[in-house]
Protein backbone atom coordinates (compact mmCIF):
# COMPACT_ATOMS: atom_id res chain seq x y z
CA MET A 1 34.78 -114.09 31.63
CA ILE A 2 34.27 -110.77 33.43
CA GLN A 3 32.08 -110.95 36.48
CA GLU A 4 29.35 -108.34 37.14
CA THR A 5 29.61 -105.79 39.98
CA GLN A 6 26.38 -106.75 41.63
CA SER A 7 28.23 -108.45 44.42
CA MET A 8 30.03 -105.21 45.21
CA ASP A 9 26.91 -102.87 45.12
CA GLN A 10 25.47 -101.65 48.39
CA ILE A 11 21.95 -100.36 48.93
CA VAL A 12 21.97 -96.77 50.29
CA ALA A 13 18.89 -95.53 52.04
CA ARG A 14 17.35 -92.13 50.89
CA GLY A 15 17.86 -89.41 53.43
CA PRO A 16 15.16 -86.96 54.51
CA GLY A 17 14.36 -83.74 52.31
CA LEU A 18 14.89 -82.94 48.64
CA SER A 19 17.73 -84.26 46.71
CA ARG A 20 20.52 -82.07 45.52
CA ARG A 21 19.43 -82.41 41.91
CA THR A 22 15.90 -81.44 42.74
CA ARG A 23 17.10 -78.43 44.65
CA ILE A 24 19.19 -77.36 41.64
CA LEU A 25 16.22 -77.72 39.29
CA LEU A 26 13.92 -75.79 41.60
CA GLY A 27 16.52 -73.01 41.98
CA ALA A 28 16.93 -72.75 38.26
CA ALA A 29 13.14 -72.57 37.82
CA ALA A 30 12.85 -69.85 40.48
CA LEU A 31 15.65 -67.88 38.88
CA LEU A 32 13.97 -68.19 35.50
CA LEU A 33 10.68 -67.01 37.01
CA LEU A 34 12.38 -64.01 38.56
CA CYS A 35 13.83 -63.10 35.17
CA LEU A 36 10.47 -63.48 33.46
CA ILE A 37 8.58 -61.25 35.91
CA PRO A 38 10.07 -57.92 34.54
CA LEU A 39 9.65 -59.18 31.01
CA TRP A 40 6.03 -60.23 31.51
CA PRO A 41 4.48 -56.91 30.31
CA SER A 42 6.62 -57.02 27.20
CA LEU A 43 5.71 -60.63 26.60
CA ARG A 44 2.04 -59.86 27.10
CA ARG A 45 2.27 -56.94 24.65
CA TRP A 46 4.16 -59.06 22.20
CA SER A 47 1.57 -61.77 22.40
CA SER A 48 -1.32 -59.31 21.89
CA ALA A 49 0.30 -57.26 19.04
CA GLU A 50 -0.73 -58.05 15.51
CA GLN A 51 2.58 -56.82 14.10
CA SER A 52 5.70 -54.90 15.14
CA ILE A 53 7.62 -51.90 13.87
CA ASP A 54 10.87 -50.18 14.77
CA LEU A 55 10.60 -46.95 16.76
CA SER A 56 13.11 -45.18 14.50
CA ARG A 57 10.61 -45.30 11.64
CA LEU A 58 7.95 -43.39 13.55
CA ARG A 59 7.30 -39.73 14.32
CA LEU A 60 5.81 -39.21 17.75
CA ALA A 61 4.20 -36.23 19.45
CA THR A 62 2.41 -35.41 22.66
CA VAL A 63 -1.16 -34.11 22.80
CA THR A 64 -1.21 -30.73 24.55
CA ARG A 65 -3.70 -28.03 25.45
CA GLY A 66 -3.23 -24.41 24.38
CA ASP A 67 -4.12 -21.75 21.81
CA LEU A 68 -4.55 -22.74 18.17
CA GLU A 69 -4.31 -20.39 15.21
CA ARG A 70 -6.04 -21.64 12.08
CA ASP A 71 -3.89 -20.32 9.30
CA VAL A 72 -2.88 -20.88 5.72
CA ALA A 73 0.63 -20.89 4.33
CA ALA A 74 1.28 -18.87 1.18
CA GLU A 75 4.25 -18.12 -0.98
CA GLY A 76 5.25 -14.45 -0.92
CA ARG A 77 7.38 -12.18 -3.04
CA VAL A 78 8.75 -8.83 -1.91
CA VAL A 79 7.70 -6.00 -4.21
CA ALA A 80 8.04 -2.26 -3.88
CA ALA A 81 4.75 -0.70 -2.89
CA ASN A 82 5.28 1.91 -5.58
CA HIS A 83 6.86 0.54 -8.76
CA PRO A 84 5.38 2.26 -11.82
CA ARG A 85 6.28 1.27 -15.34
CA LEU A 86 6.97 4.29 -17.52
CA PHE A 87 5.73 4.29 -21.12
CA SER A 88 6.57 6.18 -24.31
CA PRO A 89 4.08 9.06 -24.78
CA ALA A 90 4.58 9.22 -28.55
CA GLN A 91 6.27 7.60 -31.51
CA GLY A 92 9.93 8.44 -31.85
CA ILE A 93 13.52 7.57 -30.99
CA ALA A 94 14.28 6.71 -27.34
CA GLY A 95 17.35 8.27 -25.82
CA LEU A 96 18.22 6.65 -22.48
CA HIS A 97 19.98 8.59 -19.73
CA VAL A 98 20.15 5.82 -17.08
CA LYS A 99 20.88 2.10 -16.79
CA ALA A 100 19.20 -0.73 -14.91
CA GLY A 101 20.13 -0.79 -11.22
CA GLU A 102 21.05 2.89 -11.13
CA SER A 103 19.80 5.02 -8.24
CA VAL A 104 17.77 8.06 -9.26
CA HIS A 105 16.20 11.02 -7.49
CA ARG A 106 12.90 12.77 -7.97
CA GLY A 107 12.75 14.82 -11.18
CA GLN A 108 15.89 13.29 -12.69
CA VAL A 109 15.66 12.80 -16.47
CA LEU A 110 15.56 9.08 -17.26
CA ALA A 111 14.92 9.13 -21.00
CA ARG A 112 14.00 11.48 -23.86
CA ILE A 113 11.82 10.61 -26.84
CA GLU A 114 12.79 12.44 -30.02
CA SER A 115 9.62 13.05 -32.06
CA PRO A 116 10.17 15.35 -35.07
CA GLU A 117 6.53 14.90 -36.05
CA LEU A 118 5.29 16.20 -32.72
CA ASP A 119 7.79 19.08 -32.70
CA SER A 120 6.67 20.09 -36.23
CA GLN A 121 3.03 19.90 -35.24
CA LEU A 122 3.67 22.14 -32.25
CA ALA A 123 5.48 24.70 -34.43
CA GLN A 124 2.58 24.72 -36.91
CA GLU A 125 -0.04 25.20 -34.23
CA ARG A 126 1.97 27.98 -32.62
CA SER A 127 2.17 29.73 -36.01
CA ARG A 128 -1.59 29.35 -36.44
CA LEU A 129 -2.11 30.80 -32.96
CA GLU A 130 -0.04 33.85 -33.86
CA SER A 131 -2.05 34.27 -37.05
CA LEU A 132 -5.34 34.08 -35.19
CA GLU A 133 -4.09 36.55 -32.58
CA SER A 134 -3.14 38.96 -35.41
CA GLU A 135 -6.60 38.58 -36.95
CA LEU A 136 -8.18 39.21 -33.55
CA SER A 137 -6.14 42.39 -33.10
CA ARG A 138 -7.02 43.52 -36.61
CA SER A 139 -10.69 42.81 -35.97
CA ARG A 140 -10.62 44.86 -32.79
CA ILE A 141 -8.94 47.77 -34.59
CA GLY A 142 -11.52 47.56 -37.42
CA ALA A 143 -14.32 47.54 -34.88
CA ARG A 144 -12.97 50.65 -33.19
CA GLN A 145 -12.63 52.38 -36.58
CA SER A 146 -16.19 51.47 -37.58
CA ASN A 147 -17.51 52.64 -34.22
CA THR A 148 -15.67 55.95 -34.62
CA THR A 149 -17.13 56.46 -38.11
CA ASN A 150 -20.62 55.65 -36.86
CA GLU A 151 -20.25 58.11 -33.99
CA ARG A 152 -19.13 60.81 -36.39
CA THR A 153 -22.08 60.15 -38.75
CA LEU A 154 -24.44 60.11 -35.80
CA GLU A 155 -23.16 63.49 -34.58
CA LEU A 156 -23.49 64.89 -38.08
CA ARG A 157 -27.12 63.75 -38.29
CA ARG A 158 -27.84 65.30 -34.91
CA VAL A 159 -26.36 68.59 -36.04
CA GLN A 160 -28.43 68.45 -39.23
CA LEU A 161 -31.56 67.73 -37.20
CA ASP A 162 -30.87 70.70 -34.89
CA ALA A 163 -30.31 72.97 -37.91
CA ALA A 164 -33.55 71.80 -39.53
CA ARG A 165 -35.47 72.46 -36.32
CA ARG A 166 -34.04 75.97 -35.97
CA GLU A 167 -34.93 76.66 -39.61
CA LEU A 168 -38.46 75.44 -38.95
CA GLU A 169 -38.76 77.73 -35.90
CA ARG A 170 -37.70 80.76 -37.97
CA THR A 171 -40.12 79.85 -40.74
CA GLU A 172 -42.96 79.43 -38.24
CA LYS A 173 -42.23 82.94 -36.80
CA LEU A 174 -42.11 84.44 -40.26
CA MET A 175 -45.31 82.64 -41.12
CA ALA A 176 -46.94 84.18 -38.09
CA ASP A 177 -45.85 87.63 -39.32
CA GLY A 178 -47.09 86.80 -42.84
CA LEU A 179 -43.66 87.05 -44.37
CA VAL A 180 -43.52 83.48 -45.83
CA ASN A 181 -46.06 81.27 -47.48
CA GLN A 182 -47.31 77.80 -46.51
CA VAL A 183 -45.09 76.04 -49.02
CA GLU A 184 -41.90 77.12 -47.31
CA LEU A 185 -43.29 76.10 -43.94
CA ASP A 186 -44.16 72.61 -45.20
CA ARG A 187 -40.74 72.29 -46.81
CA ASP A 188 -39.02 73.07 -43.48
CA ARG A 189 -41.26 70.64 -41.65
CA ASP A 190 -40.40 67.93 -44.15
CA ALA A 191 -36.72 68.74 -43.70
CA VAL A 192 -37.06 68.20 -39.90
CA ARG A 193 -38.87 64.88 -40.34
CA LEU A 194 -36.24 63.76 -42.86
CA ALA A 195 -33.42 64.66 -40.44
CA GLU A 196 -35.16 62.73 -37.65
CA VAL A 197 -35.51 59.62 -39.87
CA GLU A 198 -31.89 59.80 -40.94
CA LEU A 199 -30.77 60.19 -37.32
CA ARG A 200 -32.85 57.19 -36.25
CA GLN A 201 -31.51 55.09 -39.11
CA VAL A 202 -27.92 56.03 -38.22
CA GLU A 203 -28.53 55.15 -34.57
CA GLU A 204 -30.10 51.76 -35.39
CA GLY A 205 -27.51 51.00 -38.05
CA GLY A 206 -24.69 51.91 -35.70
CA THR A 207 -26.11 49.63 -32.99
CA LEU A 208 -26.45 46.69 -35.38
CA GLN A 209 -22.99 47.24 -36.81
CA ARG A 210 -21.51 47.48 -33.32
CA GLU A 211 -23.21 44.23 -32.27
CA SER A 212 -22.00 42.53 -35.46
CA LEU A 213 -18.45 43.73 -34.89
CA ASP A 214 -18.58 42.64 -31.24
CA PHE A 215 -19.83 39.18 -32.24
CA GLU A 216 -17.13 38.83 -34.88
CA THR A 217 -14.47 39.94 -32.42
CA ALA A 218 -15.75 37.54 -29.73
CA ASP A 219 -15.79 34.70 -32.28
CA ARG A 220 -12.19 35.40 -33.23
CA ALA A 221 -11.29 35.58 -29.54
CA ARG A 222 -12.86 32.13 -29.03
CA GLN A 223 -10.86 30.81 -31.98
CA VAL A 224 -7.70 32.20 -30.40
CA GLU A 225 -8.57 30.61 -27.04
CA ARG A 226 -9.31 27.28 -28.68
CA GLN A 227 -6.00 27.44 -30.54
CA ARG A 228 -4.21 28.26 -27.29
CA LEU A 229 -5.65 25.07 -25.79
CA VAL A 230 -4.39 23.10 -28.80
CA VAL A 231 -0.93 24.61 -28.37
CA ALA A 232 -0.99 23.98 -24.60
CA GLU A 233 -1.90 20.32 -25.20
CA LEU A 234 0.92 19.90 -27.72
CA GLU A 235 3.35 21.62 -25.35
CA ARG A 236 2.27 19.17 -22.63
CA ARG A 237 2.86 16.23 -24.97
CA VAL A 238 6.25 17.62 -25.91
CA ARG A 239 7.15 18.06 -22.23
CA GLU A 240 6.14 14.46 -21.63
CA LEU A 241 8.72 13.39 -24.18
CA THR A 242 11.19 13.97 -21.34
CA ILE A 243 10.70 11.03 -18.96
CA ALA A 244 11.57 12.03 -15.39
CA SER A 245 11.67 9.97 -12.19
CA PRO A 246 8.50 10.46 -10.11
CA PHE A 247 10.37 9.83 -6.83
CA ASP A 248 13.67 8.84 -5.29
CA GLY A 249 14.29 5.20 -6.07
CA LEU A 250 16.02 2.68 -8.28
CA VAL A 251 15.74 1.79 -11.96
CA ALA A 252 14.55 -1.83 -11.79
CA ASN A 253 14.78 -2.72 -15.46
CA VAL A 254 15.07 -1.08 -18.88
CA GLU A 255 13.01 -2.64 -21.64
CA VAL A 256 14.47 -0.81 -24.68
CA GLN A 257 17.92 -0.08 -26.02
CA ASP A 258 19.35 3.40 -26.48
CA ARG A 259 18.28 4.95 -29.83
CA ASP A 260 15.57 2.33 -30.38
CA ALA A 261 12.46 3.35 -32.32
CA VAL A 262 9.42 3.09 -30.05
CA GLN A 263 5.68 3.26 -30.61
CA PRO A 264 3.18 5.18 -28.48
CA ASN A 265 2.53 3.52 -25.07
CA ALA A 266 5.54 1.21 -25.48
CA PRO A 267 7.08 0.25 -22.08
CA LEU A 268 10.43 1.94 -21.48
CA LEU A 269 11.59 1.24 -17.92
CA THR A 270 10.41 0.56 -14.38
CA VAL A 271 11.30 2.63 -11.33
CA VAL A 272 10.84 1.24 -7.80
CA ASP A 273 10.43 3.19 -4.59
CA LEU A 274 12.79 1.61 -2.06
CA SER A 275 11.28 3.46 0.89
CA GLU A 276 8.23 1.18 1.19
CA TYR A 277 7.80 -2.52 0.50
CA GLU A 278 4.86 -4.92 0.46
CA ILE A 279 4.44 -8.68 0.02
CA GLU A 280 2.63 -10.17 -2.95
CA VAL A 281 1.21 -13.53 -1.84
CA ARG A 282 -0.36 -16.40 -3.78
CA ILE A 283 -3.15 -18.04 -1.77
CA PRO A 284 -4.60 -21.47 -2.70
CA ASP A 285 -8.07 -20.98 -4.13
CA SER A 286 -9.48 -23.46 -1.59
CA TYR A 287 -9.07 -20.70 1.02
CA ALA A 288 -10.49 -17.95 -1.22
CA ASP A 289 -13.74 -17.76 0.78
CA ASP A 290 -11.88 -17.50 4.10
CA VAL A 291 -9.42 -14.72 3.29
CA ALA A 292 -10.41 -11.07 3.31
CA PRO A 293 -8.61 -7.74 3.74
CA GLY A 294 -7.69 -7.07 7.35
CA LEU A 295 -6.50 -10.58 8.28
CA PRO A 296 -3.31 -10.63 10.38
CA ALA A 297 -0.28 -12.18 8.73
CA VAL A 298 3.05 -13.54 9.93
CA ILE A 299 5.99 -12.99 7.58
CA GLU A 300 8.96 -15.34 7.98
CA LEU A 301 12.24 -13.94 6.70
CA GLY A 302 15.80 -14.77 7.65
CA GLY A 303 14.78 -16.97 10.58
CA LYS A 304 12.70 -14.16 12.09
CA THR A 305 9.01 -13.33 12.01
CA TRP A 306 7.39 -9.97 11.24
CA LYS A 307 3.80 -8.91 11.70
CA GLY A 308 1.74 -7.89 8.70
CA THR A 309 -1.80 -7.29 7.49
CA LEU A 310 -3.57 -8.53 4.39
CA THR A 311 -4.67 -5.34 2.66
CA ALA A 312 -6.04 -6.55 -0.68
CA VAL A 313 -7.33 -9.75 -2.29
CA SER A 314 -7.81 -10.20 -6.02
CA PRO A 315 -11.37 -11.24 -7.04
CA GLU A 316 -9.92 -13.39 -9.82
CA VAL A 317 -8.56 -16.95 -9.54
CA SER A 318 -5.52 -17.64 -11.71
CA ASN A 319 -3.76 -21.03 -11.87
CA SER A 320 -5.76 -22.24 -8.84
CA GLN A 321 -4.40 -19.31 -6.79
CA VAL A 322 -5.65 -15.95 -5.58
CA LEU A 323 -3.31 -12.97 -5.45
CA GLY A 324 -3.16 -10.89 -2.28
CA THR A 325 -1.15 -8.01 -0.88
CA VAL A 326 0.36 -7.96 2.62
CA HIS A 327 1.74 -4.80 4.22
CA PHE A 328 4.14 -4.79 7.14
CA ALA A 329 2.20 -3.83 10.26
CA GLY A 330 5.14 -2.27 12.07
CA GLU A 331 8.87 -2.20 11.58
CA VAL A 332 10.11 -3.18 8.13
CA PRO A 333 13.16 -5.49 8.05
CA ASP A 334 16.35 -4.10 6.61
CA GLY A 335 17.96 -5.41 3.46
CA LEU A 336 14.80 -6.24 1.53
CA ARG A 337 15.20 -6.64 -2.21
CA GLN A 338 12.77 -6.60 -5.09
CA SER A 339 11.28 -10.07 -5.88
CA GLN A 340 12.84 -11.63 -2.77
CA ARG A 341 11.03 -14.84 -1.72
CA VAL A 342 9.45 -15.02 1.76
CA SER A 343 7.04 -17.31 3.62
CA VAL A 344 3.73 -15.87 4.81
CA ARG A 345 1.11 -17.29 7.18
CA LEU A 346 -2.36 -15.77 7.11
CA VAL A 347 -4.13 -16.20 10.47
CA LEU A 348 -7.75 -17.11 9.69
CA GLU A 349 -8.94 -17.85 13.24
CA HIS A 350 -7.63 -17.85 16.83
CA LYS A 351 -9.01 -20.53 19.18
CA PRO A 352 -7.87 -20.35 22.83
CA ASN A 353 -7.39 -23.30 25.22
CA VAL A 354 -8.06 -26.22 22.89
CA LEU A 355 -6.72 -29.76 22.80
CA LYS A 356 -4.25 -29.97 19.93
CA ALA A 357 -1.54 -32.06 18.34
CA PRO A 358 1.08 -31.43 15.67
CA ARG A 359 0.05 -32.08 12.07
CA GLY A 360 1.40 -35.17 10.37
CA PRO A 361 0.75 -37.67 7.58
CA PHE A 362 -1.76 -39.46 9.82
CA LEU A 363 -4.29 -36.72 9.05
CA ASP A 364 -4.36 -37.51 5.33
CA SER A 365 -3.99 -41.28 5.55
CA GLY A 366 -6.55 -41.60 8.31
CA GLY A 367 -8.88 -38.88 7.14
CA GLY A 368 -8.52 -37.14 10.50
CA ARG A 369 -10.56 -39.91 12.15
CA GLN A 370 -7.90 -42.39 13.30
CA VAL A 371 -4.57 -42.27 15.11
CA TYR A 372 -2.26 -44.68 16.91
CA VAL A 373 -1.76 -43.95 20.61
CA LEU A 374 1.57 -45.15 22.03
CA ALA A 375 1.65 -46.46 25.60
CA ASP A 376 4.09 -48.97 27.18
CA GLY A 377 5.64 -49.78 23.81
CA LEU A 378 2.31 -50.70 22.22
CA ALA A 379 0.62 -48.54 19.58
CA THR A 380 -3.17 -48.90 19.69
CA LEU A 381 -5.48 -47.68 16.95
CA ARG A 382 -8.05 -45.20 18.29
CA GLN A 383 -10.94 -43.37 16.70
CA ILE A 384 -10.74 -39.56 17.01
CA ARG A 385 -12.46 -36.45 15.70
CA THR A 386 -10.48 -33.42 14.57
CA GLY A 387 -11.49 -29.78 14.17
CA ALA A 388 -9.70 -26.70 12.92
CA ALA A 389 -6.26 -27.20 11.41
CA SER A 390 -3.36 -24.82 10.99
CA VAL A 391 -0.12 -25.13 9.11
CA GLY A 392 1.55 -26.99 11.99
CA GLU A 393 -1.22 -28.12 14.37
CA VAL A 394 -4.68 -29.66 14.40
CA GLU A 395 -7.48 -29.38 16.95
CA ILE A 396 -8.57 -32.61 18.69
CA LEU A 397 -12.28 -32.65 19.50
CA GLU A 398 -12.73 -36.25 20.68
CA GLY A 399 -10.73 -39.42 21.34
CA LEU A 400 -7.55 -38.14 23.01
CA GLU A 401 -6.43 -36.62 26.28
CA ALA A 402 -3.69 -34.13 27.08
CA GLY A 403 -0.34 -35.83 27.67
CA GLU A 404 -0.98 -38.87 25.48
CA ARG A 405 1.63 -39.73 22.88
CA ILE A 406 0.46 -40.31 19.33
CA VAL A 407 2.08 -41.49 16.11
CA LEU A 408 2.25 -38.77 13.44
CA SER A 409 3.53 -41.09 10.72
CA ASP A 410 1.52 -42.43 7.80
CA LEU A 411 -1.03 -45.00 9.00
CA THR A 412 -0.37 -47.24 6.02
CA LEU A 413 2.81 -48.38 7.79
CA PHE A 414 0.63 -50.42 10.19
CA ASN A 415 -1.47 -52.18 7.52
CA GLY A 416 -4.67 -51.60 9.47
CA ALA A 417 -3.52 -53.48 12.60
CA LYS A 418 -5.42 -52.71 15.81
CA THR A 419 -2.31 -53.01 17.98
CA VAL A 420 1.32 -52.73 16.93
CA LEU A 421 4.40 -53.53 19.00
CA VAL A 422 6.94 -50.69 18.83
CA ARG A 423 10.47 -51.99 19.13
CA GLN A 424 13.04 -49.79 20.83
């Protein structure tokens, strides 16, 4: 049987102060407390947060103060300021002298429309003009001949009247001497009156005939002039059959083939003036009431910006868009090409020294009334009020201060939580 060790145990009296074990436990507790002190804010935030999210999933920005330009972004397309489409002036066969993409100079022949019908009509009208001119010349010659005959007849009647008067004077003298009777005197007087009537009739008839001939000649002259206008118009139409370039430029496209039959007013080709360009922009119809000619524009091309001016706005809405025209305000960039795509910002309003923040999905998801403010790793939901908005920024009217960091991301990520812990 094994004996117990009680006989060998000795009672040891406790010394003064804490035991070694207690000191170890207290040291460990103090060390733990020292470690928890730096982590206390994080623990407090963690305990107060309704949920947590990783920082990498968020877009952050800082609220700043500065100038804000309320603008609208629009798609733009480079077009030549002068790019007329040339049409066929008449029915005929198109003969092309150029190809698409070919450089041309002012007055160069681009195409020729062969129109036998128009050429035949011009020849007929020219022949009619020559005929009318011949008739006019013949009428003038006939008028001169008739006038000459009338003058000769008039002179003859005057001579006859003078002879009758001299005969009457002799008869009156003889009557005074008693050498002739009354019958002869009356006969001579009747002869004078008859000569006077004939002279008057010749004068009046000559005047009427001259007026008639002048009227007929003037009428034929008007017919000739009218026919000349017809011929001039046909000559103009024939000249227009030769399509020439209105300026130095480039043939953009050709819409017919060589030797194709074309109808009047059929499109043939388009010529563009490469010396001046403009931007054709499509503006959302929601901004139709805000845009007007004269607005400044910023054209973004090749990583650079160029100043422009909105010069025209279409009054018609097509496909929920309004067409506008932007001209370069100063220097035009080199290397522009027809139909080249560019980005255009139309500056609707300039507001100086305002509180602003970058635009983000929070505007749509929160209706511009809510945003999460990030401070010490905790995102807190705050009520705000926004004002004017541009393509990249939005005005903050209430709820934020300059220097505060906000979350630009979609608010639906936070599921409506008042506070969210943002993990690093």
